[in-house]
PDB file of all heavy atoms in Angstrom:
ATOM      1  N   HIS A   1       0.832  -1.178  -0.014  1.00  0.00           N
ATOM      2  CA  HIS A   1      -0.007   0.019  -0.036  1.00  0.00           C
ATOM      3  C   HIS A   1       0.894   1.264  -0.036  1.00  0.00           C
ATOM      4  O   HIS A   1       1.763   1.379   0.908  1.00  0.00           O
ATOM      5  CB  HIS A   1      -0.911  -0.015   1.279  1.00  0.00           C
ATOM      6  CG  HIS A   1      -1.952  -1.103   1.236  1.00  0.00           C
ATOM      7  ND1 HIS A   1      -3.178  -0.854   1.497  1.00  0.00           N
ATOM      8  CD2 HIS A   1      -1.868  -2.403   1.104  1.00  0.00           C
ATOM      9  CE1 HIS A   1      -3.884  -1.971   1.492  1.00  0.00           C
ATOM     10  NE2 HIS A   1      -3.066  -2.889   1.221  1.00  0.00           N
ATOM     11  N   ILE A   2       0.672   2.117  -0.989  1.00  0.00           N
ATOM     12  CA  ILE A   2       1.476   3.327  -1.038  1.00  0.00           C
ATOM     13  C   ILE A   2       0.457   4.474  -1.106  1.00  0.00           C
ATOM     14  O   ILE A   2      -0.476   4.498  -1.894  1.00  0.00           O
ATOM     15  CB  ILE A   2       2.305   3.412  -2.392  1.00  0.00           C
ATOM     16  CG1 ILE A   2       3.300   2.171  -2.296  1.00  0.00           C
ATOM     17  CG2 ILE A   2       3.107   4.687  -2.453  1.00  0.00           C
ATOM     18  CD1 ILE A   2       4.051   2.028  -3.642  1.00  0.00           C
ATOM     19  N   ARG A   3       0.711   5.497  -0.218  1.00  0.00           N
ATOM     20  CA  ARG A   3      -0.211   6.619  -0.196  1.00  0.00           C
ATOM     21  C   ARG A   3       0.680   7.831  -0.093  1.00  0.00           C
ATOM     22  O   ARG A   3       1.427   8.045   0.829  1.00  0.00           O
ATOM     23  CB  ARG A   3      -1.088   6.540   1.056  1.00  0.00           C
ATOM     24  CG  ARG A   3      -2.103   7.648   1.071  1.00  0.00           C
ATOM     25  CD  ARG A   3      -3.095   7.467   2.184  1.00  0.00           C
ATOM     26  NE  ARG A   3      -4.028   8.509   2.173  1.00  0.00           N
ATOM     27  CZ  ARG A   3      -4.844   8.805   3.187  1.00  0.00           C
ATOM     28  NH1 ARG A   3      -4.801   8.080   4.261  1.00  0.00           N
ATOM     29  NH2 ARG A   3      -5.662   9.833   3.112  1.00  0.00           N
ATOM     30  N   PHE A   4       0.525   8.716  -1.071  1.00  0.00           N
ATOM     31  CA  PHE A   4       1.213   9.994  -1.164  1.00  0.00           C
ATOM     32  C   PHE A   4       0.261  11.136  -0.829  1.00  0.00           C
ATOM     33  O   PHE A   4      -0.465  11.560  -1.660  1.00  0.00           O
ATOM     34  CB  PHE A   4       1.893  10.247  -2.493  1.00  0.00           C
ATOM     35  CG  PHE A   4       2.987  11.205  -2.481  1.00  0.00           C
ATOM     36  CD1 PHE A   4       4.289  10.793  -2.708  1.00  0.00           C
ATOM     37  CD2 PHE A   4       2.782  12.544  -2.310  1.00  0.00           C
ATOM     38  CE1 PHE A   4       5.383  11.665  -2.728  1.00  0.00           C
ATOM     39  CE2 PHE A   4       3.776  13.440  -2.316  1.00  0.00           C
ATOM     40  CZ  PHE A   4       5.107  12.975  -2.566  1.00  0.00           C
ATOM     41  N   TRP A   5       0.164  11.473   0.476  1.00  0.00           N
ATOM     42  CA  TRP A   5      -0.824  12.432   0.907  1.00  0.00           C
ATOM     43  C   TRP A   5      -0.327  13.837   0.467  1.00  0.00           C
ATOM     44  O   TRP A   5       0.875  14.109   0.674  1.00  0.00           O
ATOM     45  CB  TRP A   5      -0.958  12.371   2.425  1.00  0.00           C
ATOM     46  CG  TRP A   5      -1.854  13.412   2.989  1.00  0.00           C
ATOM     47  CD1 TRP A   5      -1.498  14.525   3.614  1.00  0.00           C
ATOM     48  CD2 TRP A   5      -3.300  13.408   2.917  1.00  0.00           C
ATOM     49  NE1 TRP A   5      -2.663  15.308   3.931  1.00  0.00           N
ATOM     50  CE2 TRP A   5      -3.699  14.561   3.524  1.00  0.00           C
ATOM     51  CE3 TRP A   5      -4.210  12.517   2.464  1.00  0.00           C
ATOM     52  CZ2 TRP A   5      -5.095  14.924   3.633  1.00  0.00           C
ATOM     53  CZ3 TRP A   5      -5.567  12.806   2.543  1.00  0.00           C
ATOM     54  CH2 TRP A   5      -5.964  13.996   3.192  1.00  0.00           C
ATOM     55  N   PRO A   6      -1.097  14.738   0.006  1.00  0.00           N
ATOM     56  CA  PRO A   6      -2.555  14.711  -0.152  1.00  0.00           C
ATOM     57  C   PRO A   6      -3.032  14.335  -1.526  1.00  0.00           C
ATOM     58  O   PRO A   6      -4.187  14.501  -1.845  1.00  0.00           O
ATOM     59  CB  PRO A   6      -2.868  16.200   0.108  1.00  0.00           C
ATOM     60  CG  PRO A   6      -1.728  16.922  -0.521  1.00  0.00           C
ATOM     61  CD  PRO A   6      -0.564  16.041  -0.256  1.00  0.00           C
ATOM     62  N   PHE A   7      -2.179  13.774  -2.357  1.00  0.00           N
ATOM     63  CA  PHE A   7      -2.595  13.398  -3.746  1.00  0.00           C
ATOM     64  C   PHE A   7      -3.333  12.112  -3.782  1.00  0.00           C
ATOM     65  O   PHE A   7      -4.077  11.920  -4.752  1.00  0.00           O
ATOM     66  CB  PHE A   7      -1.310  13.343  -4.612  1.00  0.00           C
ATOM     67  CG  PHE A   7      -0.535  14.677  -4.572  1.00  0.00           C
ATOM     68  CD1 PHE A   7       0.608  14.791  -3.923  1.00  0.00           C
ATOM     69  CD2 PHE A   7      -1.064  15.825  -5.202  1.00  0.00           C
ATOM     70  CE1 PHE A   7       1.308  15.995  -3.895  1.00  0.00           C
ATOM     71  CE2 PHE A   7      -0.376  16.986  -5.148  1.00  0.00           C
ATOM     72  CZ  PHE A   7       0.770  17.094  -4.552  1.00  0.00           C
ATOM     73  N   HIS A   8      -3.108  11.212  -2.896  1.00  0.00           N
ATOM     74  CA  HIS A   8      -3.903   9.964  -2.838  1.00  0.00           C
ATOM     75  C   HIS A   8      -4.875   9.979  -1.650  1.00  0.00           C
ATOM     76  O   HIS A   8      -4.377  10.055  -0.545  1.00  0.00           O
ATOM     77  CB  HIS A   8      -2.971   8.730  -2.672  1.00  0.00           C
ATOM     78  CG  HIS A   8      -2.062   8.575  -3.821  1.00  0.00           C
ATOM     79  ND1 HIS A   8      -0.744   8.127  -3.625  1.00  0.00           N
ATOM     80  CD2 HIS A   8      -2.243   8.676  -5.185  1.00  0.00           C
ATOM     81  CE1 HIS A   8      -0.130   7.952  -4.849  1.00  0.00           C
ATOM     82  NE2 HIS A   8      -1.046   8.318  -5.767  1.00  0.00           N
ATOM     83  N   VAL A   9      -6.111   9.997  -1.949  1.00  0.00           N
ATOM     84  CA  VAL A   9      -7.090   9.900  -0.884  1.00  0.00           C
ATOM     85  C   VAL A   9      -7.118   8.542  -0.246  1.00  0.00           C
ATOM     86  O   VAL A   9      -7.115   8.348   0.930  1.00  0.00           O
ATOM     87  CB  VAL A   9      -8.520  10.328  -1.417  1.00  0.00           C
ATOM     88  CG1 VAL A   9      -9.590  10.190  -0.264  1.00  0.00           C
ATOM     89  CG2 VAL A   9      -8.545  11.733  -1.937  1.00  0.00           C
ATOM     90  N   ARG A  10      -7.033   7.581  -1.152  1.00  0.00           N
ATOM     91  CA  ARG A  10      -6.899   6.119  -0.703  1.00  0.00           C
ATOM     92  C   ARG A  10      -5.552   5.690  -1.238  1.00  0.00           C
ATOM     93  O   ARG A  10      -5.048   6.065  -2.203  1.00  0.00           O
ATOM     94  CB  ARG A  10      -8.056   5.273  -1.332  1.00  0.00           C
ATOM     95  CG  ARG A  10      -9.352   5.550  -0.624  1.00  0.00           C
ATOM     96  CD  ARG A  10     -10.395   4.615  -1.166  1.00  0.00           C
ATOM     97  NE  ARG A  10     -11.237   5.512  -2.038  1.00  0.00           N
ATOM     98  CZ  ARG A  10     -11.888   5.056  -3.034  1.00  0.00           C
ATOM     99  NH1 ARG A  10     -11.916   3.809  -3.369  1.00  0.00           N
ATOM    100  NH2 ARG A  10     -12.691   5.895  -3.742  1.00  0.00           N
ATOM    101  N   PRO A  11      -4.997   4.645  -0.509  1.00  0.00           N
ATOM    102  CA  PRO A  11      -3.645   4.154  -0.975  1.00  0.00           C
ATOM    103  C   PRO A  11      -3.747   3.407  -2.283  1.00  0.00           C
ATOM    104  O   PRO A  11      -4.749   2.854  -2.664  1.00  0.00           O
ATOM    105  CB  PRO A  11      -3.237   3.151   0.114  1.00  0.00           C
ATOM    106  CG  PRO A  11      -4.427   2.920   0.949  1.00  0.00           C
ATOM    107  CD  PRO A  11      -5.495   3.970   0.690  1.00  0.00           C
ATOM    108  N   VAL A  12      -2.627   3.480  -3.048  1.00  0.00           N
ATOM    109  CA  VAL A  12      -2.499   2.710  -4.267  1.00  0.00           C
ATOM    110  C   VAL A  12      -2.054   1.309  -3.766  1.00  0.00           C
ATOM    111  O   VAL A  12      -1.132   1.095  -3.004  1.00  0.00           O
ATOM    112  CB  VAL A  12      -1.384   3.311  -5.199  1.00  0.00           C
ATOM    113  CG1 VAL A  12      -1.046   2.413  -6.361  1.00  0.00           C
ATOM    114  CG2 VAL A  12      -1.762   4.768  -5.632  1.00  0.00           C
ATOM    115  N   ILE A  13      -2.785   0.272  -4.251  1.00  0.00           N
ATOM    116  CA  ILE A  13      -2.471  -1.051  -3.802  1.00  0.00           C
ATOM    117  C   ILE A  13      -1.788  -1.825  -4.962  1.00  0.00           C
ATOM    118  O   ILE A  13      -2.362  -1.878  -6.076  1.00  0.00           O
ATOM    119  CB  ILE A  13      -3.718  -1.819  -3.365  1.00  0.00           C
ATOM    120  CG1 ILE A  13      -4.328  -1.102  -2.187  1.00  0.00           C
ATOM    121  CG2 ILE A  13      -3.464  -3.270  -2.984  1.00  0.00           C
ATOM    122  CD1 ILE A  13      -5.698  -1.611  -1.731  1.00  0.00           C
ATOM    123  N   ILE A  14      -0.628  -2.351  -4.647  1.00  0.00           N
ATOM    124  CA  ILE A  14       0.094  -3.156  -5.642  1.00  0.00           C
ATOM    125  C   ILE A  14       0.013  -4.610  -5.200  1.00  0.00           C
ATOM    126  O   ILE A  14       0.528  -4.944  -4.139  1.00  0.00           O
ATOM    127  CB  ILE A  14       1.552  -2.655  -5.711  1.00  0.00           C
ATOM    128  CG1 ILE A  14       1.590  -1.185  -6.155  1.00  0.00           C
ATOM    129  CG2 ILE A  14       2.362  -3.532  -6.620  1.00  0.00           C
ATOM    130  CD1 ILE A  14       2.883  -0.429  -5.726  1.00  0.00           C
ATOM    131  N   HIS A  15      -0.637  -5.316  -6.003  1.00  0.00           N
ATOM    132  CA  HIS A  15      -0.779  -6.794  -5.726  1.00  0.00           C
ATOM    133  C   HIS A  15       0.621  -7.496  -6.153  1.00  0.00           C
ATOM    134  O   HIS A  15       0.986  -7.391  -7.286  1.00  0.00           O
ATOM    135  CB  HIS A  15      -1.921  -7.411  -6.426  1.00  0.00           C
ATOM    136  CG  HIS A  15      -3.185  -6.757  -5.987  1.00  0.00           C
ATOM    137  ND1 HIS A  15      -3.797  -7.102  -4.768  1.00  0.00           N
ATOM    138  CD2 HIS A  15      -3.991  -5.824  -6.498  1.00  0.00           C
ATOM    139  CE1 HIS A  15      -4.940  -6.401  -4.658  1.00  0.00           C
ATOM    140  NE2 HIS A  15      -5.030  -5.609  -5.662  1.00  0.00           N
ATOM    141  N   LEU A  16       1.152  -8.202  -5.187  1.00  0.00           N
ATOM    142  CA  LEU A  16       2.488  -8.772  -5.449  1.00  0.00           C
ATOM    143  C   LEU A  16       2.484  -9.976  -6.367  1.00  0.00           C
ATOM    144  O   LEU A  16       3.512 -10.338  -6.968  1.00  0.00           O
ATOM    145  CB  LEU A  16       3.140  -9.176  -4.074  1.00  0.00           C
ATOM    146  CG  LEU A  16       3.530  -7.981  -3.241  1.00  0.00           C
ATOM    147  CD1 LEU A  16       4.026  -8.425  -1.889  1.00  0.00           C
ATOM    148  CD2 LEU A  16       4.505  -7.090  -3.955  1.00  0.00           C
ATOM    149  N   HIS A  17       1.302 -10.544  -6.709  1.00  0.00           N
ATOM    150  CA  HIS A  17       1.299 -11.645  -7.738  1.00  0.00           C
ATOM    151  C   HIS A  17       1.553 -11.081  -9.103  1.00  0.00           C
ATOM    152  O   HIS A  17       1.833 -11.819 -10.021  1.00  0.00           O
ATOM    153  CB  HIS A  17       0.001 -12.459  -7.615  1.00  0.00           C
ATOM    154  CG  HIS A  17      -1.233 -11.667  -8.040  1.00  0.00           C
ATOM    155  ND1 HIS A  17      -1.916 -10.828  -7.187  1.00  0.00           N
ATOM    156  CD2 HIS A  17      -1.850 -11.609  -9.252  1.00  0.00           C
ATOM    157  CE1 HIS A  17      -2.954 -10.349  -7.818  1.00  0.00           C
ATOM    158  NE2 HIS A  17      -2.945 -10.714  -9.043  1.00  0.00           N
ATOM    159  N   LEU A  18       1.379  -9.763  -9.244  1.00  0.00           N
ATOM    160  CA  LEU A  18       1.710  -9.078 -10.516  1.00  0.00           C
ATOM    161  C   LEU A  18       3.169  -8.675 -10.672  1.00  0.00           C
ATOM    162  O   LEU A  18       3.505  -8.293 -11.727  1.00  0.00           O
ATOM    163  CB  LEU A  18       0.802  -7.866 -10.700  1.00  0.00           C
ATOM    164  CG  LEU A  18      -0.728  -8.084 -10.664  1.00  0.00           C
ATOM    165  CD1 LEU A  18      -1.462  -6.801 -10.724  1.00  0.00           C
ATOM    166  CD2 LEU A  18      -1.180  -8.997 -11.792  1.00  0.00           C
ATOM    167  N   VAL A  19       3.926  -8.868  -9.627  1.00  0.00           N
ATOM    168  CA  VAL A  19       5.367  -8.443  -9.611  1.00  0.00           C
ATOM    169  C   VAL A  19       6.138  -9.613 -10.108  1.00  0.00           C
ATOM    170  O   VAL A  19       6.086 -10.629  -9.466  1.00  0.00           O
ATOM    171  CB  VAL A  19       5.759  -7.981  -8.268  1.00  0.00           C
ATOM    172  CG1 VAL A  19       7.292  -7.659  -8.274  1.00  0.00           C
ATOM    173  CG2 VAL A  19       4.961  -6.705  -7.795  1.00  0.00           C
ATOM    174  N   ARG A  20       6.841  -9.416 -11.219  1.00  0.00           N
ATOM    175  CA  ARG A  20       7.743 -10.436 -11.793  1.00  0.00           C
ATOM    176  C   ARG A  20       8.954 -10.603 -10.887  1.00  0.00           C
ATOM    177  O   ARG A  20       9.381 -11.725 -10.529  1.00  0.00           O
ATOM    178  CB  ARG A  20       8.151 -10.100 -13.195  1.00  0.00           C
ATOM    179  CG  ARG A  20       9.027 -11.062 -13.915  1.00  0.00           C
ATOM    180  CD  ARG A  20       9.300 -10.654 -15.336  1.00  0.00           C
ATOM    181  NE  ARG A  20       9.421  -9.240 -15.574  1.00  0.00           N
ATOM    182  CZ  ARG A  20      10.533  -8.552 -15.758  1.00  0.00           C
ATOM    183  NH1 ARG A  20      11.619  -9.230 -15.817  1.00  0.00           N
ATOM    184  NH2 ARG A  20      10.554  -7.313 -15.947  1.00  0.00           N
ATOM    185  N   ASP A  21       9.675  -9.532 -10.593  1.00  0.00           N
ATOM    186  CA  ASP A  21      10.809  -9.566  -9.691  1.00  0.00           C
ATOM    187  C   ASP A  21      11.051  -8.170  -9.132  1.00  0.00           C
ATOM    188  O   ASP A  21      10.355  -7.182  -9.577  1.00  0.00           O
ATOM    189  CB  ASP A  21      12.080 -10.069 -10.425  1.00  0.00           C
ATOM    190  CG  ASP A  21      12.556  -9.172 -11.574  1.00  0.00           C
ATOM    191  OD1 ASP A  21      11.982  -8.075 -11.701  1.00  0.00           O
ATOM    192  OD2 ASP A  21      13.524  -9.564 -12.263  1.00  0.00           O
ATOM    193  N   PHE A  22      11.898  -8.133  -8.122  1.00  0.00           N
ATOM    194  CA  PHE A  22      12.156  -6.814  -7.487  1.00  0.00           C
ATOM    195  C   PHE A  22      13.561  -6.855  -6.877  1.00  0.00           C
ATOM    196  O   PHE A  22      14.154  -7.962  -6.666  1.00  0.00           O
ATOM    197  CB  PHE A  22      11.147  -6.589  -6.365  1.00  0.00           C
ATOM    198  CG  PHE A  22      11.006  -7.676  -5.300  1.00  0.00           C
ATOM    199  CD1 PHE A  22      11.756  -7.589  -4.146  1.00  0.00           C
ATOM    200  CD2 PHE A  22      10.269  -8.774  -5.524  1.00  0.00           C
ATOM    201  CE1 PHE A  22      11.645  -8.588  -3.193  1.00  0.00           C
ATOM    202  CE2 PHE A  22      10.186  -9.780  -4.655  1.00  0.00           C
ATOM    203  CZ  PHE A  22      10.846  -9.672  -3.452  1.00  0.00           C
ATOM    204  N   GLU A  23      14.108  -5.638  -6.740  1.00  0.00           N
ATOM    205  CA  GLU A  23      15.524  -5.626  -6.191  1.00  0.00           C
ATOM    206  C   GLU A  23      15.691  -4.241  -5.435  1.00  0.00           C
ATOM    207  O   GLU A  23      15.053  -3.218  -5.710  1.00  0.00           O
ATOM    208  CB  GLU A  23      16.550  -5.705  -7.318  1.00  0.00           C
ATOM    209  CG  GLU A  23      16.525  -4.575  -8.288  1.00  0.00           C
ATOM    210  CD  GLU A  23      17.652  -4.682  -9.277  1.00  0.00           C
ATOM    211  OE1 GLU A  23      18.743  -5.204  -8.989  1.00  0.00           O
ATOM    212  OE2 GLU A  23      17.392  -4.273 -10.397  1.00  0.00           O
ATOM    213  N   LYS A  24      16.550  -4.328  -4.464  1.00  0.00           N
ATOM    214  CA  LYS A  24      16.996  -3.085  -3.780  1.00  0.00           C
ATOM    215  C   LYS A  24      17.871  -2.344  -4.713  1.00  0.00           C
ATOM    216  O   LYS A  24      18.803  -2.878  -5.310  1.00  0.00           O
ATOM    217  CB  LYS A  24      17.724  -3.404  -2.433  1.00  0.00           C
ATOM    218  CG  LYS A  24      18.172  -2.156  -1.727  1.00  0.00           C
ATOM    219  CD  LYS A  24      19.181  -2.533  -0.677  1.00  0.00           C
ATOM    220  CE  LYS A  24      19.942  -1.396  -0.148  1.00  0.00           C
ATOM    221  NZ  LYS A  24      20.672  -0.625  -1.052  1.00  0.00           N
ATOM    222  N   VAL A  25      17.689  -1.071  -4.883  1.00  0.00           N
ATOM    223  CA  VAL A  25      18.482  -0.219  -5.789  1.00  0.00           C
ATOM    224  C   VAL A  25      18.934   1.087  -5.137  1.00  0.00           C
ATOM    225  O   VAL A  25      18.261   1.611  -4.241  1.00  0.00           O
ATOM    226  CB  VAL A  25      17.685   0.103  -7.118  1.00  0.00           C
ATOM    227  CG1 VAL A  25      17.408  -1.123  -7.913  1.00  0.00           C
ATOM    228  CG2 VAL A  25      16.379   0.817  -6.831  1.00  0.00           C
ATOM    229  N   THR A  26      20.018   1.570  -5.687  1.00  0.00           N
ATOM    230  CA  THR A  26      20.468   2.899  -5.423  1.00  0.00           C
ATOM    231  C   THR A  26      20.334   3.683  -6.700  1.00  0.00           C
ATOM    232  O   THR A  26      20.803   3.185  -7.781  1.00  0.00           O
ATOM    233  CB  THR A  26      21.905   2.972  -4.940  1.00  0.00           C
ATOM    234  OG1 THR A  26      22.023   2.206  -3.780  1.00  0.00           O
ATOM    235  CG2 THR A  26      22.395   4.387  -4.619  1.00  0.00           C
ATOM    236  N   TYR A  27      19.626   4.841  -6.740  1.00  0.00           N
ATOM    237  CA  TYR A  27      19.270   5.478  -7.957  1.00  0.00           C
ATOM    238  C   TYR A  27      19.654   6.970  -7.883  1.00  0.00           C
ATOM    239  O   TYR A  27      19.963   7.474  -6.740  1.00  0.00           O
ATOM    240  CB  TYR A  27      17.827   5.286  -8.309  1.00  0.00           C
ATOM    241  CG  TYR A  27      16.931   5.903  -7.262  1.00  0.00           C
ATOM    242  CD1 TYR A  27      16.318   7.179  -7.454  1.00  0.00           C
ATOM    243  CD2 TYR A  27      16.620   5.166  -6.073  1.00  0.00           C
ATOM    244  CE1 TYR A  27      15.452   7.701  -6.509  1.00  0.00           C
ATOM    245  CE2 TYR A  27      15.689   5.723  -5.153  1.00  0.00           C
ATOM    246  CZ  TYR A  27      15.166   6.957  -5.332  1.00  0.00           C
ATOM    247  OH  TYR A  27      14.413   7.524  -4.406  1.00  0.00           O
ATOM    248  N   ASN A  28      19.605   7.621  -8.943  1.00  0.00           N
ATOM    249  CA  ASN A  28      19.787   9.087  -8.966  1.00  0.00           C
ATOM    250  C   ASN A  28      18.470   9.725  -9.137  1.00  0.00           C
ATOM    251  O   ASN A  28      17.862   9.712 -10.251  1.00  0.00           O
ATOM    252  CB  ASN A  28      20.681   9.445 -10.198  1.00  0.00           C
ATOM    253  CG  ASN A  28      21.002  10.896 -10.260  1.00  0.00           C
ATOM    254  OD1 ASN A  28      20.305  11.713  -9.726  1.00  0.00           O
ATOM    255  ND2 ASN A  28      21.994  11.258 -11.085  1.00  0.00           N
ATOM    256  N   PRO A  29      17.885  10.324  -8.060  1.00  0.00           N
ATOM    257  CA  PRO A  29      16.519  10.878  -8.135  1.00  0.00           C
ATOM    258  C   PRO A  29      16.295  11.888  -9.230  1.00  0.00           C
ATOM    259  O   PRO A  29      15.312  11.833  -9.976  1.00  0.00           O
ATOM    260  CB  PRO A  29      16.293  11.498  -6.769  1.00  0.00           C
ATOM    261  CG  PRO A  29      17.287  10.860  -5.846  1.00  0.00           C
ATOM    262  CD  PRO A  29      18.439  10.552  -6.750  1.00  0.00           C
ATOM    263  N   ILE A  30      17.254  12.760  -9.408  1.00  0.00           N
ATOM    264  CA  ILE A  30      17.121  13.825 -10.467  1.00  0.00           C
ATOM    265  C   ILE A  30      17.392  13.294 -11.832  1.00  0.00           C
ATOM    266  O   ILE A  30      16.652  13.516 -12.753  1.00  0.00           O
ATOM    267  CB  ILE A  30      17.942  15.009 -10.061  1.00  0.00           C
ATOM    268  CG1 ILE A  30      17.450  15.692  -8.795  1.00  0.00           C
ATOM    269  CG2 ILE A  30      17.942  16.079 -11.213  1.00  0.00           C
ATOM    270  CD1 ILE A  30      18.329  16.748  -8.244  1.00  0.00           C
ATOM    271  N   GLY A  31      18.447  12.521 -11.966  1.00  0.00           N
ATOM    272  CA  GLY A  31      18.853  12.002 -13.260  1.00  0.00           C
ATOM    273  C   GLY A  31      17.889  10.928 -13.712  1.00  0.00           C
ATOM    274  O   GLY A  31      17.565  10.851 -14.986  1.00  0.00           O
ATOM    275  N   ASP A  32      17.406  10.068 -12.909  1.00  0.00           N
ATOM    276  CA  ASP A  32      16.576   8.927 -13.358  1.00  0.00           C
ATOM    277  C   ASP A  32      15.105   9.333 -13.398  1.00  0.00           C
ATOM    278  O   ASP A  32      14.386   8.772 -14.219  1.00  0.00           O
ATOM    279  CB  ASP A  32      16.733   7.759 -12.421  1.00  0.00           C
ATOM    280  CG  ASP A  32      18.188   7.148 -12.470  1.00  0.00           C
ATOM    281  OD1 ASP A  32      18.844   7.477 -13.457  1.00  0.00           O
ATOM    282  OD2 ASP A  32      18.431   6.373 -11.527  1.00  0.00           O
TER     283      ASP A  32
END
């Protein structure tokens, strides 16, 4: 469940059965 207040009144729900894979990452917020 991800909720970015005040833009999300209700949380965005991501069902994990739809996730193929995932990894911990270090990223460049401005560049990426």
